[in-house]
């Protein structure tokens, strides 16, 4: 099931252990740069974005290379298990975005 905040920009292409989505925009440009807030770890040969210190929520955005439009892919401060059941982050932590390029 596609998250509600991605309904206008994503289509489901498969579900295995993870939900696989295809992101698209109104422009013909289909390439994006990915930015994230969190810790990048290599686990079993895969690069995973984690919240290693749990002080800052994971956030992932895609930025369209042509239009520079930003698409929110995930924001741990508002979506996911932690925000639903237990963790509340201080507003000052949420507002400070130290996004890193995922290259």
C-alpha atoms as a PDB file:
ATOM      1  CA  UNK A   1       0.000   0.000   0.000  1.00  0.00           C
ATOM      2  CA  UNK A   2       1.385   3.392  -1.017  1.00  0.00           C
ATOM      3  CA  UNK A   3       1.667   5.928   1.834  1.00  0.00           C
ATOM      4  CA  UNK A   4      -0.955   8.691   1.550  1.00  0.00           C
ATOM      5  CA  UNK A   5       1.660  11.451   1.211  1.00  0.00           C
ATOM      6  CA  UNK A   6       3.035   9.725  -1.937  1.00  0.00           C
ATOM      7  CA  UNK A   7      -0.274   9.007  -3.722  1.00  0.00           C
ATOM      8  CA  UNK A   8       0.243  11.819  -6.283  1.00  0.00           C
ATOM      9  CA  UNK A   9       3.851  11.002  -7.122  1.00  0.00           C
ATOM     10  CA  UNK A  10       4.319   7.234  -6.791  1.00  0.00           C
ATOM     11  CA  UNK A  11       3.050   4.002  -8.236  1.00  0.00           C
ATOM     12  CA  UNK A  12       3.570   0.582  -6.735  1.00  0.00           C
ATOM     13  CA  UNK A  13       5.786  -1.722  -8.761  1.00  0.00           C
ATOM     14  CA  UNK A  14       6.092  -4.565  -6.281  1.00  0.00           C
ATOM     15  CA  UNK A  15       6.019  -5.782  -2.709  1.00  0.00           C
ATOM     16  CA  UNK A  16       8.637  -8.192  -1.384  1.00  0.00           C
ATOM     17  CA  UNK A  17      10.255  -7.605   1.986  1.00  0.00           C
ATOM     18  CA  UNK A  18       9.899  -3.906   1.173  1.00  0.00           C
ATOM     19  CA  UNK A  19       7.449  -1.799  -0.780  1.00  0.00           C
ATOM     20  CA  UNK A  20       8.920  -0.951  -4.217  1.00  0.00           C
ATOM     21  CA  UNK A  21       7.734   2.327  -5.722  1.00  0.00           C
ATOM     22  CA  UNK A  22       8.363   4.274  -8.882  1.00  0.00           C
ATOM     23  CA  UNK A  23       8.459   8.051  -8.408  1.00  0.00           C
ATOM     24  CA  UNK A  24       7.410  10.390 -11.201  1.00  0.00           C
ATOM     25  CA  UNK A  25       6.505  14.042 -11.638  1.00  0.00           C
ATOM     26  CA  UNK A  26       4.605  16.145 -14.148  1.00  0.00           C
ATOM     27  CA  UNK A  27       7.815  17.012 -16.018  1.00  0.00           C
ATOM     28  CA  UNK A  28       9.460  14.598 -18.415  1.00  0.00           C
ATOM     29  CA  UNK A  29      12.599  14.611 -16.244  1.00  0.00           C
ATOM     30  CA  UNK A  30      12.777  11.273 -14.490  1.00  0.00           C
ATOM     31  CA  UNK A  31      16.075  11.526 -12.661  1.00  0.00           C
ATOM     32  CA  UNK A  32      16.369  12.499  -9.024  1.00  0.00           C
ATOM     33  CA  UNK A  33      19.055  13.112  -6.467  1.00  0.00           C
ATOM     34  CA  UNK A  34      18.361  11.506  -3.097  1.00  0.00           C
ATOM     35  CA  UNK A  35      19.075  13.355   0.145  1.00  0.00           C
ATOM     36  CA  UNK A  36      18.789  11.955   3.640  1.00  0.00           C
ATOM     37  CA  UNK A  37      19.121  12.745   7.315  1.00  0.00           C
ATOM     38  CA  UNK A  38      20.378   9.790   9.332  1.00  0.00           C
ATOM     39  CA  UNK A  39      23.317   7.422   9.366  1.00  0.00           C
ATOM     40  CA  UNK A  40      24.353   5.529   6.241  1.00  0.00           C
ATOM     41  CA  UNK A  41      25.423   1.973   7.052  1.00  0.00           C
ATOM     42  CA  UNK A  42      26.419  -0.960   4.870  1.00  0.00           C
ATOM     43  CA  UNK A  43      24.697  -4.107   6.092  1.00  0.00           C
ATOM     44  CA  UNK A  44      24.930  -7.328   4.115  1.00  0.00           C
ATOM     45  CA  UNK A  45      26.140  -5.454   1.041  1.00  0.00           C
ATOM     46  CA  UNK A  46      23.175  -3.010   1.092  1.00  0.00           C
ATOM     47  CA  UNK A  47      23.396   0.677   1.948  1.00  0.00           C
ATOM     48  CA  UNK A  48      20.766   1.456   4.594  1.00  0.00           C
ATOM     49  CA  UNK A  49      19.780   4.763   6.147  1.00  0.00           C
ATOM     50  CA  UNK A  50      19.393   4.246   9.882  1.00  0.00           C
ATOM     51  CA  UNK A  51      18.786   6.350  12.972  1.00  0.00           C
ATOM     52  CA  UNK A  52      21.863   5.076  14.780  1.00  0.00           C
ATOM     53  CA  UNK A  53      21.711   7.580  17.626  1.00  0.00           C
ATOM     54  CA  UNK A  54      17.871   7.930  17.676  1.00  0.00           C
ATOM     55  CA  UNK A  55      18.194  11.648  18.464  1.00  0.00           C
ATOM     56  CA  UNK A  56      17.311  12.774  14.947  1.00  0.00           C
ATOM     57  CA  UNK A  57      14.555  11.090  12.918  1.00  0.00           C
ATOM     58  CA  UNK A  58      15.334   9.614   9.514  1.00  0.00           C
ATOM     59  CA  UNK A  59      14.231  11.779   6.602  1.00  0.00           C
ATOM     60  CA  UNK A  60      14.613  10.982   2.892  1.00  0.00           C
ATOM     61  CA  UNK A  61      13.715  13.252  -0.029  1.00  0.00           C
ATOM     62  CA  UNK A  62      14.072  12.999  -3.807  1.00  0.00           C
ATOM     63  CA  UNK A  63      14.980  16.195  -5.667  1.00  0.00           C
ATOM     64  CA  UNK A  64      14.083  16.393  -9.346  1.00  0.00           C
ATOM     65  CA  UNK A  65      17.240  17.237 -11.321  1.00  0.00           C
ATOM     66  CA  UNK A  66      15.398  19.495 -13.759  1.00  0.00           C
ATOM     67  CA  UNK A  67      12.773  21.337 -11.705  1.00  0.00           C
ATOM     68  CA  UNK A  68      14.445  20.988  -8.268  1.00  0.00           C
ATOM     69  CA  UNK A  69      11.040  19.921  -6.919  1.00  0.00           C
ATOM     70  CA  UNK A  70      11.432  18.019  -3.658  1.00  0.00           C
ATOM     71  CA  UNK A  71       9.383  14.896  -2.979  1.00  0.00           C
ATOM     72  CA  UNK A  72       9.202  13.596   0.567  1.00  0.00           C
ATOM     73  CA  UNK A  73       9.908   9.858   0.523  1.00  0.00           C
ATOM     74  CA  UNK A  74      10.001   9.280   4.273  1.00  0.00           C
ATOM     75  CA  UNK A  75       9.984  11.375   7.438  1.00  0.00           C
ATOM     76  CA  UNK A  76      10.477   9.423  10.655  1.00  0.00           C
ATOM     77  CA  UNK A  77       9.247  12.355  12.743  1.00  0.00           C
ATOM     78  CA  UNK A  78       5.728  11.898  11.354  1.00  0.00           C
ATOM     79  CA  UNK A  79       5.505   8.439   9.761  1.00  0.00           C
ATOM     80  CA  UNK A  80       6.494   4.940  10.738  1.00  0.00           C
ATOM     81  CA  UNK A  81       6.502   2.815  13.858  1.00  0.00           C
ATOM     82  CA  UNK A  82       8.357   5.145  16.227  1.00  0.00           C
ATOM     83  CA  UNK A  83       6.215   8.206  15.590  1.00  0.00           C
ATOM     84  CA  UNK A  84       2.980   6.191  15.757  1.00  0.00           C
ATOM     85  CA  UNK A  85       3.592   4.528  19.081  1.00  0.00           C
ATOM     86  CA  UNK A  86       6.336   6.070  21.155  1.00  0.00           C
ATOM     87  CA  UNK A  87       8.773   8.753  20.008  1.00  0.00           C
ATOM     88  CA  UNK A  88       8.020  12.447  19.889  1.00  0.00           C
ATOM     89  CA  UNK A  89      10.794  14.657  18.618  1.00  0.00           C
ATOM     90  CA  UNK A  90      11.441  18.192  19.795  1.00  0.00           C
ATOM     91  CA  UNK A  91      10.322  20.710  17.147  1.00  0.00           C
ATOM     92  CA  UNK A  92      13.803  22.270  17.000  1.00  0.00           C
ATOM     93  CA  UNK A  93      15.277  18.863  16.051  1.00  0.00           C
ATOM     94  CA  UNK A  94      12.672  18.351  13.316  1.00  0.00           C
ATOM     95  CA  UNK A  95      13.161  21.818  11.827  1.00  0.00           C
ATOM     96  CA  UNK A  96      16.946  21.486  11.504  1.00  0.00           C
ATOM     97  CA  UNK A  97      17.590  19.571   8.303  1.00  0.00           C
ATOM     98  CA  UNK A  98      21.119  18.342   7.836  1.00  0.00           C
ATOM     99  CA  UNK A  99      20.370  16.494   4.616  1.00  0.00           C
ATOM    100  CA  UNK A 100      23.274  14.649   2.996  1.00  0.00           C
ATOM    101  CA  UNK A 101      23.592  13.629  -0.625  1.00  0.00           C
ATOM    102  CA  UNK A 102      23.109   9.838  -1.088  1.00  0.00           C
ATOM    103  CA  UNK A 103      25.869   9.323  -3.673  1.00  0.00           C
END
